[in-house]
Amino acid sequence: MHGFSAAGYAFDAVAAVAAQVHGHHKTQNPDLTAVTYIVFPAFATEVSGRESLEEAQALAGAVQCNGWAAERLVELTGDQIEARLCWSENPTAVPHPDPWGF
């Protein structure tokens, strides 16, 4: 999705990753896999939408959003996305107890 913006940052697109690429939930809740999409801010030059399955899987496996990006994606998608804190430089921030527990 081109046209994304976040004040102070140069991202200009949002990428969405489908179930056949990410595979989240496939072990613990396979029915949820088919309806789960992963979204993240990107540069339009990084993603074309024409990536091979292997290219898309490599890209999706390497994405972790920082706080502002996760907050912006939640703003854009409402309750259709869950953000989990993995780590933070802020000593008062509390990481999710199981951030990778899909």
PDB file of N, CA and C in Angstrom:
ATOM      1  N   MET A   1       0.854  -1.164   0.000  1.00  0.00           N
ATOM      2  CA  MET A   1       0.000   0.000   0.000  1.00  0.00           C
ATOM      3  C   MET A   1       0.903   1.231   0.000  1.00  0.00           C
ATOM      4  N   HIS A   2       0.918   1.945  -1.067  1.00  0.00           N
ATOM      5  CA  HIS A   2       1.726   3.148  -1.172  1.00  0.00           C
ATOM      6  C   HIS A   2       0.956   4.323  -0.571  1.00  0.00           C
ATOM      7  N   GLY A   3       1.666   5.359  -0.167  1.00  0.00           N
ATOM      8  CA  GLY A   3       1.030   6.544   0.384  1.00  0.00           C
ATOM      9  C   GLY A   3       1.087   6.613   1.895  1.00  0.00           C
ATOM     10  N   PHE A   4       1.696   5.633   2.557  1.00  0.00           N
ATOM     11  CA  PHE A   4       1.852   5.632   4.008  1.00  0.00           C
ATOM     12  C   PHE A   4       2.769   6.759   4.422  1.00  0.00           C
ATOM     13  N   SER A   5       2.518   7.343   5.581  1.00  0.00           N
ATOM     14  CA  SER A   5       3.443   8.350   6.112  1.00  0.00           C
ATOM     15  C   SER A   5       3.428   8.290   7.629  1.00  0.00           C
ATOM     16  N   ALA A   6       4.538   8.639   8.200  1.00  0.00           N
ATOM     17  CA  ALA A   6       4.688   8.751   9.653  1.00  0.00           C
ATOM     18  C   ALA A   6       5.573   9.959   9.888  1.00  0.00           C
ATOM     19  N   ALA A   7       5.058  10.915  10.613  1.00  0.00           N
ATOM     20  CA  ALA A   7       5.779  12.172  10.832  1.00  0.00           C
ATOM     21  C   ALA A   7       7.216  11.919  11.294  1.00  0.00           C
ATOM     22  N   GLY A   8       8.145  12.533  10.615  1.00  0.00           N
ATOM     23  CA  GLY A   8       9.548  12.425  10.976  1.00  0.00           C
ATOM     24  C   GLY A   8      10.274  11.229  10.381  1.00  0.00           C
ATOM     25  N   TYR A   9       9.586  10.399   9.630  1.00  0.00           N
ATOM     26  CA  TYR A   9      10.191   9.213   9.036  1.00  0.00           C
ATOM     27  C   TYR A   9       9.912   9.187   7.541  1.00  0.00           C
ATOM     28  N   ALA A  10      10.759   8.531   6.798  1.00  0.00           N
ATOM     29  CA  ALA A  10      10.654   8.555   5.345  1.00  0.00           C
ATOM     30  C   ALA A  10       9.893   7.380   4.745  1.00  0.00           C
ATOM     31  N   PHE A  11       9.359   6.470   5.554  1.00  0.00           N
ATOM     32  CA  PHE A  11       8.605   5.347   4.990  1.00  0.00           C
ATOM     33  C   PHE A  11       7.468   5.876   4.136  1.00  0.00           C
ATOM     34  N   ASP A  12       7.238   5.233   3.000  1.00  0.00           N
ATOM     35  CA  ASP A  12       6.187   5.702   2.100  1.00  0.00           C
ATOM     36  C   ASP A  12       5.264   4.582   1.641  1.00  0.00           C
ATOM     37  N   ALA A  13       5.348   3.421   2.308  1.00  0.00           N
ATOM     38  CA  ALA A  13       4.496   2.288   1.940  1.00  0.00           C
ATOM     39  C   ALA A  13       4.279   1.397   3.158  1.00  0.00           C
ATOM     40  N   VAL A  14       3.269   0.575   3.070  1.00  0.00           N
ATOM     41  CA  VAL A  14       3.023  -0.472   4.063  1.00  0.00           C
ATOM     42  C   VAL A  14       2.964  -1.785   3.291  1.00  0.00           C
ATOM     43  N   ALA A  15       3.682  -2.773   3.770  1.00  0.00           N
ATOM     44  CA  ALA A  15       3.656  -4.093   3.139  1.00  0.00           C
ATOM     45  C   ALA A  15       2.779  -5.018   3.970  1.00  0.00           C
ATOM     46  N   ALA A  16       2.010  -5.856   3.323  1.00  0.00           N
ATOM     47  CA  ALA A  16       1.171  -6.854   3.990  1.00  0.00           C
ATOM     48  C   ALA A  16       1.625  -8.237   3.547  1.00  0.00           C
ATOM     49  N   VAL A  17       1.784  -9.129   4.498  1.00  0.00           N
ATOM     50  CA  VAL A  17       2.292 -10.463   4.224  1.00  0.00           C
ATOM     51  C   VAL A  17       1.190 -11.483   4.503  1.00  0.00           C
ATOM     52  N   ALA A  18       0.884 -12.306   3.509  1.00  0.00           N
ATOM     53  CA  ALA A  18      -0.193 -13.299   3.614  1.00  0.00           C
ATOM     54  C   ALA A  18       0.286 -14.590   4.280  1.00  0.00           C
ATOM     55  N   ALA A  19      -0.673 -15.424   4.632  1.00  0.00           N
ATOM     56  CA  ALA A  19      -0.413 -16.660   5.373  1.00  0.00           C
ATOM     57  C   ALA A  19       0.586 -17.590   4.699  1.00  0.00           C
ATOM     58  N   GLN A  20       0.510 -17.750   3.393  1.00  0.00           N
ATOM     59  CA  GLN A  20       1.435 -18.675   2.726  1.00  0.00           C
ATOM     60  C   GLN A  20       2.875 -18.204   2.817  1.00  0.00           C
ATOM     61  N   VAL A  21       3.074 -16.944   3.167  1.00  0.00           N
ATOM     62  CA  VAL A  21       4.420 -16.406   3.323  1.00  0.00           C
ATOM     63  C   VAL A  21       4.885 -16.510   4.770  1.00  0.00           C
ATOM     64  N   HIS A  22       4.085 -16.075   5.730  1.00  0.00           N
ATOM     65  CA  HIS A  22       4.561 -15.988   7.110  1.00  0.00           C
ATOM     66  C   HIS A  22       4.380 -17.256   7.933  1.00  0.00           C
ATOM     67  N   GLY A  23       3.313 -18.005   7.764  1.00  0.00           N
ATOM     68  CA  GLY A  23       3.116 -19.257   8.485  1.00  0.00           C
ATOM     69  C   GLY A  23       2.849 -19.139   9.973  1.00  0.00           C
ATOM     70  N   HIS A  24       2.575 -17.942  10.481  1.00  0.00           N
ATOM     71  CA  HIS A  24       2.287 -17.792  11.907  1.00  0.00           C
ATOM     72  C   HIS A  24       1.058 -18.603  12.288  1.00  0.00           C
ATOM     73  N   HIS A  25       1.045 -19.121  13.462  1.00  0.00           N
ATOM     74  CA  HIS A  25      -0.055 -19.895  14.055  1.00  0.00           C
ATOM     75  C   HIS A  25      -0.173 -21.307  13.502  1.00  0.00           C
ATOM     76  N   LYS A  26       0.586 -21.696  12.494  1.00  0.00           N
ATOM     77  CA  LYS A  26       0.333 -22.973  11.824  1.00  0.00           C
ATOM     78  C   LYS A  26       0.473 -24.183  12.748  1.00  0.00           C
ATOM     79  N   THR A  27       1.247 -24.064  13.809  1.00  0.00           N
ATOM     80  CA  THR A  27       1.397 -25.183  14.733  1.00  0.00           C
ATOM     81  C   THR A  27       0.335 -25.160  15.825  1.00  0.00           C
ATOM     82  N   GLN A  28       0.169 -24.008  16.475  1.00  0.00           N
ATOM     83  CA  GLN A  28      -0.739 -23.926  17.614  1.00  0.00           C
ATOM     84  C   GLN A  28      -2.194 -23.683  17.224  1.00  0.00           C
ATOM     85  N   ASN A  29      -2.438 -22.989  16.130  1.00  0.00           N
ATOM     86  CA  ASN A  29      -3.809 -22.677  15.742  1.00  0.00           C
ATOM     87  C   ASN A  29      -3.878 -22.536  14.221  1.00  0.00           C
ATOM     88  N   PRO A  30      -3.848 -23.651  13.497  1.00  0.00           N
ATOM     89  CA  PRO A  30      -3.793 -23.596  12.035  1.00  0.00           C
ATOM     90  C   PRO A  30      -4.962 -22.864  11.391  1.00  0.00           C
ATOM     91  N   ASP A  31      -6.146 -22.896  12.002  1.00  0.00           N
ATOM     92  CA  ASP A  31      -7.292 -22.192  11.427  1.00  0.00           C
ATOM     93  C   ASP A  31      -7.077 -20.689  11.403  1.00  0.00           C
ATOM     94  N   LEU A  32      -6.279 -20.194  12.340  1.00  0.00           N
ATOM     95  CA  LEU A  32      -6.014 -18.760  12.410  1.00  0.00           C
ATOM     96  C   LEU A  32      -5.012 -18.315  11.348  1.00  0.00           C
ATOM     97  N   THR A  33      -4.154 -19.220  10.919  1.00  0.00           N
ATOM     98  CA  THR A  33      -3.127 -18.881   9.927  1.00  0.00           C
ATOM     99  C   THR A  33      -3.716 -18.257   8.667  1.00  0.00           C
ATOM    100  N   ALA A  34      -4.749 -18.834   8.142  1.00  0.00           N
ATOM    101  CA  ALA A  34      -5.327 -18.381   6.869  1.00  0.00           C
ATOM    102  C   ALA A  34      -5.881 -16.968   6.923  1.00  0.00           C
ATOM    103  N   VAL A  35      -6.190 -16.474   8.111  1.00  0.00           N
ATOM    104  CA  VAL A  35      -6.791 -15.140   8.226  1.00  0.00           C
ATOM    105  C   VAL A  35      -5.853 -14.135   8.892  1.00  0.00           C
ATOM    106  N   THR A  36      -4.583 -14.487   9.022  1.00  0.00           N
ATOM    107  CA  THR A  36      -3.604 -13.610   9.660  1.00  0.00           C
ATOM    108  C   THR A  36      -2.715 -12.965   8.601  1.00  0.00           C
ATOM    109  N   TYR A  37      -2.616 -11.661   8.655  1.00  0.00           N
ATOM    110  CA  TYR A  37      -1.701 -10.910   7.792  1.00  0.00           C
ATOM    111  C   TYR A  37      -0.730 -10.152   8.674  1.00  0.00           C
ATOM    112  N   ILE A  38       0.507 -10.068   8.258  1.00  0.00           N
ATOM    113  CA  ILE A  38       1.505  -9.277   8.965  1.00  0.00           C
ATOM    114  C   ILE A  38       1.718  -8.015   8.149  1.00  0.00           C
ATOM    115  N   VAL A  39       1.668  -6.860   8.803  1.00  0.00           N
ATOM    116  CA  VAL A  39       1.878  -5.593   8.101  1.00  0.00           C
ATOM    117  C   VAL A  39       3.033  -4.844   8.736  1.00  0.00           C
ATOM    118  N   PHE A  40       3.774  -4.101   7.909  1.00  0.00           N
ATOM    119  CA  PHE A  40       4.902  -3.335   8.418  1.00  0.00           C
ATOM    120  C   PHE A  40       5.202  -2.174   7.485  1.00  0.00           C
ATOM    121  N   PRO A  41       5.757  -1.089   8.066  1.00  0.00           N
ATOM    122  CA  PRO A  41       6.127   0.055   7.231  1.00  0.00           C
ATOM    123  C   PRO A  41       7.334  -0.309   6.371  1.00  0.00           C
ATOM    124  N   ALA A  42       7.401   0.278   5.200  1.00  0.00           N
ATOM    125  CA  ALA A  42       8.485  -0.028   4.267  1.00  0.00           C
ATOM    126  C   ALA A  42       8.724   1.168   3.351  1.00  0.00           C
ATOM    127  N   PHE A  43       9.739   1.046   2.554  1.00  0.00           N
ATOM    128  CA  PHE A  43       9.966   1.996   1.471  1.00  0.00           C
ATOM    129  C   PHE A  43       9.419   1.352   0.200  1.00  0.00           C
ATOM    130  N   ALA A  44       8.768   2.128  -0.613  1.00  0.00           N
ATOM    131  CA  ALA A  44       8.183   1.590  -1.847  1.00  0.00           C
ATOM    132  C   ALA A  44       9.243   0.907  -2.707  1.00  0.00           C
ATOM    133  N   THR A  45      10.484   1.312  -2.563  1.00  0.00           N
ATOM    134  CA  THR A  45      11.553   0.693  -3.349  1.00  0.00           C
ATOM    135  C   THR A  45      11.978  -0.663  -2.788  1.00  0.00           C
ATOM    136  N   GLU A  46      11.546  -1.008  -1.573  1.00  0.00           N
ATOM    137  CA  GLU A  46      11.927  -2.284  -0.960  1.00  0.00           C
ATOM    138  C   GLU A  46      10.995  -3.431  -1.355  1.00  0.00           C
ATOM    139  N   VAL A  47       9.731  -3.114  -1.587  1.00  0.00           N
ATOM    140  CA  VAL A  47       8.747  -4.150  -1.893  1.00  0.00           C
ATOM    141  C   VAL A  47       7.987  -3.784  -3.156  1.00  0.00           C
ATOM    142  N   SER A  48       7.774  -4.772  -4.001  1.00  0.00           N
ATOM    143  CA  SER A  48       7.082  -4.503  -5.256  1.00  0.00           C
ATOM    144  C   SER A  48       5.716  -5.175  -5.318  1.00  0.00           C
ATOM    145  N   GLY A  49       5.541  -6.229  -4.506  1.00  0.00           N
ATOM    146  CA  GLY A  49       4.339  -7.029  -4.619  1.00  0.00           C
ATOM    147  C   GLY A  49       4.507  -8.148  -5.634  1.00  0.00           C
ATOM    148  N   ARG A  50       5.664  -8.184  -6.270  1.00  0.00           N
ATOM    149  CA  ARG A  50       5.950  -9.220  -7.264  1.00  0.00           C
ATOM    150  C   ARG A  50       7.078 -10.145  -6.800  1.00  0.00           C
ATOM    151  N   GLU A  51       7.371 -10.136  -5.499  1.00  0.00           N
ATOM    152  CA  GLU A  51       8.432 -10.982  -4.966  1.00  0.00           C
ATOM    153  C   GLU A  51       8.063 -12.465  -5.110  1.00  0.00           C
ATOM    154  N   SER A  52       9.079 -13.295  -5.283  1.00  0.00           N
ATOM    155  CA  SER A  52       8.836 -14.745  -5.283  1.00  0.00           C
ATOM    156  C   SER A  52       8.473 -15.155  -3.853  1.00  0.00           C
ATOM    157  N   LEU A  53       7.947 -16.354  -3.695  1.00  0.00           N
ATOM    158  CA  LEU A  53       7.604 -16.843  -2.359  1.00  0.00           C
ATOM    159  C   LEU A  53       8.834 -16.822  -1.458  1.00  0.00           C
ATOM    160  N   GLU A  54       9.965 -17.249  -1.956  1.00  0.00           N
ATOM    161  CA  GLU A  54      11.201 -17.289  -1.171  1.00  0.00           C
ATOM    162  C   GLU A  54      11.645 -15.885  -0.766  1.00  0.00           C
ATOM    163  N   GLU A  55      11.555 -14.935  -1.682  1.00  0.00           N
ATOM    164  CA  GLU A  55      11.937 -13.552  -1.364  1.00  0.00           C
ATOM    165  C   GLU A  55      11.004 -12.966  -0.307  1.00  0.00           C
ATOM    166  N   ALA A  56       9.717 -13.209  -0.460  1.00  0.00           N
ATOM    167  CA  ALA A  56       8.738 -12.684   0.494  1.00  0.00           C
ATOM    168  C   ALA A  56       8.940 -13.306   1.875  1.00  0.00           C
ATOM    169  N   GLN A  57       9.230 -14.595   1.929  1.00  0.00           N
ATOM    170  CA  GLN A  57       9.457 -15.249   3.218  1.00  0.00           C
ATOM    171  C   GLN A  57      10.697 -14.692   3.907  1.00  0.00           C
ATOM    172  N   ALA A  58      11.741 -14.427   3.162  1.00  0.00           N
ATOM    173  CA  ALA A  58      12.953 -13.854   3.741  1.00  0.00           C
ATOM    174  C   ALA A  58      12.685 -12.455   4.287  1.00  0.00           C
ATOM    175  N   LEU A  59      11.943 -11.666   3.547  1.00  0.00           N
ATOM    176  CA  LEU A  59      11.621 -10.308   3.983  1.00  0.00           C
ATOM    177  C   LEU A  59      10.738 -10.335   5.222  1.00  0.00           C
ATOM    178  N   ALA A  60       9.702 -11.140   5.232  1.00  0.00           N
ATOM    179  CA  ALA A  60       8.776 -11.215   6.365  1.00  0.00           C
ATOM    180  C   ALA A  60       9.463 -11.725   7.618  1.00  0.00           C
ATOM    181  N   GLY A  61      10.403 -12.623   7.462  1.00  0.00           N
ATOM    182  CA  GLY A  61      11.103 -13.171   8.617  1.00  0.00           C
ATOM    183  C   GLY A  61      12.079 -12.217   9.258  1.00  0.00           C
ATOM    184  N   ALA A  62      12.384 -11.129   8.603  1.00  0.00           N
ATOM    185  CA  ALA A  62      13.379 -10.188   9.109  1.00  0.00           C
ATOM    186  C   ALA A  62      12.778  -8.915   9.685  1.00  0.00           C
ATOM    187  N   VAL A  63      11.450  -8.800   9.723  1.00  0.00           N
ATOM    188  CA  VAL A  63      10.813  -7.544  10.109  1.00  0.00           C
ATOM    189  C   VAL A  63      10.450  -7.518  11.583  1.00  0.00           C
ATOM    190  N   GLN A  64      10.899  -6.460  12.254  1.00  0.00           N
ATOM    191  CA  GLN A  64      10.455  -6.143  13.596  1.00  0.00           C
ATOM    192  C   GLN A  64      10.245  -4.635  13.624  1.00  0.00           C
ATOM    193  N   CYS A  65       9.085  -4.224  14.058  1.00  0.00           N
ATOM    194  CA  CYS A  65       8.768  -2.792  14.092  1.00  0.00           C
ATOM    195  C   CYS A  65       9.152  -2.186  15.429  1.00  0.00           C
ATOM    196  N   ASN A  66       9.604  -0.945  15.392  1.00  0.00           N
ATOM    197  CA  ASN A  66       9.833  -0.254  16.644  1.00  0.00           C
ATOM    198  C   ASN A  66       8.513   0.337  17.134  1.00  0.00           C
ATOM    199  N   GLY A  67       8.536   0.975  18.287  1.00  0.00           N
ATOM    200  CA  GLY A  67       7.310   1.457  18.918  1.00  0.00           C
ATOM    201  C   GLY A  67       6.456   2.365  18.068  1.00  0.00           C
ATOM    202  N   TRP A  68       7.060   3.379  17.438  1.00  0.00           N
ATOM    203  CA  TRP A  68       6.235   4.308  16.650  1.00  0.00           C
ATOM    204  C   TRP A  68       5.592   3.613  15.469  1.00  0.00           C
ATOM    205  N   ALA A  69       6.313   2.658  14.859  1.00  0.00           N
ATOM    206  CA  ALA A  69       5.768   1.956  13.701  1.00  0.00           C
ATOM    207  C   ALA A  69       4.606   1.062  14.118  1.00  0.00           C
ATOM    208  N   ALA A  70       4.769   0.355  15.231  1.00  0.00           N
ATOM    209  CA  ALA A  70       3.684  -0.498  15.717  1.00  0.00           C
ATOM    210  C   ALA A  70       2.461   0.341  16.071  1.00  0.00           C
ATOM    211  N   GLU A  71       2.675   1.467  16.744  1.00  0.00           N
ATOM    212  CA  GLU A  71       1.552   2.339  17.101  1.00  0.00           C
ATOM    213  C   GLU A  71       0.846   2.870  15.856  1.00  0.00           C
ATOM    214  N   ARG A  72       1.602   3.251  14.845  1.00  0.00           N
ATOM    215  CA  ARG A  72       1.006   3.774  13.608  1.00  0.00           C
ATOM    216  C   ARG A  72       0.201   2.696  12.888  1.00  0.00           C
ATOM    217  N   LEU A  73       0.719   1.477  12.848  1.00  0.00           N
ATOM    218  CA  LEU A  73      -0.009   0.391  12.206  1.00  0.00           C
ATOM    219  C   LEU A  73      -1.302   0.067  12.955  1.00  0.00           C
ATOM    220  N   VAL A  74      -1.261   0.120  14.289  1.00  0.00           N
ATOM    221  CA  VAL A  74      -2.478  -0.083  15.075  1.00  0.00           C
ATOM    222  C   VAL A  74      -3.484   1.023  14.770  1.00  0.00           C
ATOM    223  N   GLU A  75      -3.005   2.271  14.651  1.00  0.00           N
ATOM    224  CA  GLU A  75      -3.894   3.388  14.282  1.00  0.00           C
ATOM    225  C   GLU A  75      -4.564   3.116  12.936  1.00  0.00           C
ATOM    226  N   LEU A  76      -3.807   2.608  11.980  1.00  0.00           N
ATOM    227  CA  LEU A  76      -4.329   2.380  10.636  1.00  0.00           C
ATOM    228  C   LEU A  76      -5.278   1.188  10.558  1.00  0.00           C
ATOM    229  N   THR A  77      -5.056   0.181  11.382  1.00  0.00           N
ATOM    230  CA  THR A  77      -5.832  -1.045  11.256  1.00  0.00           C
ATOM    231  C   THR A  77      -6.803  -1.293  12.398  1.00  0.00           C
ATOM    232  N   GLY A  78      -6.776  -0.472  13.417  1.00  0.00           N
ATOM    233  CA  GLY A  78      -7.684  -0.663  14.548  1.00  0.00           C
ATOM    234  C   GLY A  78      -7.389  -1.957  15.283  1.00  0.00           C
ATOM    235  N   ASP A  79      -8.431  -2.671  15.641  1.00  0.00           N
ATOM    236  CA  ASP A  79      -8.251  -3.895  16.412  1.00  0.00           C
ATOM    237  C   ASP A  79      -7.906  -5.104  15.543  1.00  0.00           C
ATOM    238  N   GLN A  80      -7.506  -4.863  14.304  1.00  0.00           N
ATOM    239  CA  GLN A  80      -7.153  -5.958  13.399  1.00  0.00           C
ATOM    240  C   GLN A  80      -5.696  -6.393  13.525  1.00  0.00           C
ATOM    241  N   ILE A  81      -4.959  -5.768  14.456  1.00  0.00           N
ATOM    242  CA  ILE A  81      -3.541  -6.086  14.612  1.00  0.00           C
ATOM    243  C   ILE A  81      -3.200  -6.110  16.095  1.00  0.00           C
ATOM    244  N   GLU A  82      -2.257  -6.951  16.449  1.00  0.00           N
ATOM    245  CA  GLU A  82      -1.771  -7.020  17.825  1.00  0.00           C
ATOM    246  C   GLU A  82      -0.297  -6.654  17.817  1.00  0.00           C
ATOM    247  N   ALA A  83       0.084  -5.730  18.668  1.00  0.00           N
ATOM    248  CA  ALA A  83       1.489  -5.346  18.797  1.00  0.00           C
ATOM    249  C   ALA A  83       2.028  -5.941  20.096  1.00  0.00           C
ATOM    250  N   ARG A  84       3.191  -6.577  20.005  1.00  0.00           N
ATOM    251  CA  ARG A  84       3.831  -7.157  21.186  1.00  0.00           C
ATOM    252  C   ARG A  84       5.241  -6.588  21.305  1.00  0.00           C
ATOM    253  N   LEU A  85       5.554  -6.071  22.482  1.00  0.00           N
ATOM    254  CA  LEU A  85       6.873  -5.497  22.716  1.00  0.00           C
ATOM    255  C   LEU A  85       7.880  -6.608  22.957  1.00  0.00           C
ATOM    256  N   CYS A  86       8.929  -6.638  22.129  1.00  0.00           N
ATOM    257  CA  CYS A  86       9.995  -7.631  22.282  1.00  0.00           C
ATOM    258  C   CYS A  86      11.105  -7.110  23.191  1.00  0.00           C
ATOM    259  N   TRP A  87      11.468  -5.858  22.984  1.00  0.00           N
ATOM    260  CA  TRP A  87      12.510  -5.226  23.794  1.00  0.00           C
ATOM    261  C   TRP A  87      12.366  -3.724  23.670  1.00  0.00           C
ATOM    262  N   SER A  88      13.034  -3.003  24.558  1.00  0.00           N
ATOM    263  CA  SER A  88      12.987  -1.550  24.505  1.00  0.00           C
ATOM    264  C   SER A  88      14.203  -0.968  25.204  1.00  0.00           C
ATOM    265  N   GLU A  89      14.652   0.186  24.695  1.00  0.00           N
ATOM    266  CA  GLU A  89      15.714   0.920  25.375  1.00  0.00           C
ATOM    267  C   GLU A  89      15.157   1.672  26.578  1.00  0.00           C
ATOM    268  N   ASN A  90      13.838   1.789  26.643  1.00  0.00           N
ATOM    269  CA  ASN A  90      13.173   2.468  27.745  1.00  0.00           C
ATOM    270  C   ASN A  90      13.107   1.506  28.934  1.00  0.00           C
ATOM    271  N   PRO A  91      13.778   1.821  30.055  1.00  0.00           N
ATOM    272  CA  PRO A  91      13.799   0.892  31.188  1.00  0.00           C
ATOM    273  C   PRO A  91      12.439   0.714  31.866  1.00  0.00           C
ATOM    274  N   THR A  92      11.481   1.593  31.600  1.00  0.00           N
ATOM    275  CA  THR A  92      10.161   1.451  32.215  1.00  0.00           C
ATOM    276  C   THR A  92       9.201   0.640  31.348  1.00  0.00           C
ATOM    277  N   ALA A  93       9.583   0.357  30.099  1.00  0.00           N
ATOM    278  CA  ALA A  93       8.732  -0.428  29.208  1.00  0.00           C
ATOM    279  C   ALA A  93       8.819  -1.907  29.596  1.00  0.00           C
ATOM    280  N   VAL A  94       7.688  -2.564  29.593  1.00  0.00           N
ATOM    281  CA  VAL A  94       7.644  -3.977  29.980  1.00  0.00           C
ATOM    282  C   VAL A  94       7.411  -4.828  28.730  1.00  0.00           C
ATOM    283  N   PRO A  95       8.401  -5.650  28.352  1.00  0.00           N
ATOM    284  CA  PRO A  95       8.226  -6.514  27.180  1.00  0.00           C
ATOM    285  C   PRO A  95       7.098  -7.523  27.398  1.00  0.00           C
ATOM    286  N   HIS A  96       6.482  -7.949  26.321  1.00  0.00           N
ATOM    287  CA  HIS A  96       5.438  -8.981  26.367  1.00  0.00           C
ATOM    288  C   HIS A  96       6.090 -10.267  26.906  1.00  0.00           C
ATOM    289  N   PRO A  97       5.394 -11.016  27.771  1.00  0.00           N
ATOM    290  CA  PRO A  97       6.000 -12.230  28.331  1.00  0.00           C
ATOM    291  C   PRO A  97       6.276 -13.328  27.301  1.00  0.00           C
ATOM    292  N   ASP A  98       5.589 -13.319  26.186  1.00  0.00           N
ATOM    293  CA  ASP A  98       5.776 -14.335  25.153  1.00  0.00           C
ATOM    294  C   ASP A  98       5.621 -13.689  23.777  1.00  0.00           C
ATOM    295  N   PRO A  99       6.549 -12.787  23.389  1.00  0.00           N
ATOM    296  CA  PRO A  99       6.353 -12.011  22.162  1.00  0.00           C
ATOM    297  C   PRO A  99       6.284 -12.849  20.897  1.00  0.00           C
ATOM    298  N   TRP A 100       6.890 -14.002  20.860  1.00  0.00           N
ATOM    299  CA  TRP A 100       6.876 -14.836  19.659  1.00  0.00           C
ATOM    300  C   TRP A 100       5.881 -15.982  19.783  1.00  0.00           C
ATOM    301  N   GLY A 101       5.051 -15.978  20.805  1.00  0.00           N
ATOM    302  CA  GLY A 101       4.100 -17.059  21.033  1.00  0.00           C
ATOM    303  C   GLY A 101       2.856 -16.953  20.183  1.00  0.00           C
ATOM    304  N   PHE A 102       2.984 -17.248  18.907  1.00  0.00           N
ATOM    305  CA  PHE A 102       1.851 -17.151  17.987  1.00  0.00           C
ATOM    306  C   PHE A 102       1.036 -18.411  18.022  1.00  0.00           C
TER     307      PHE A 102
END
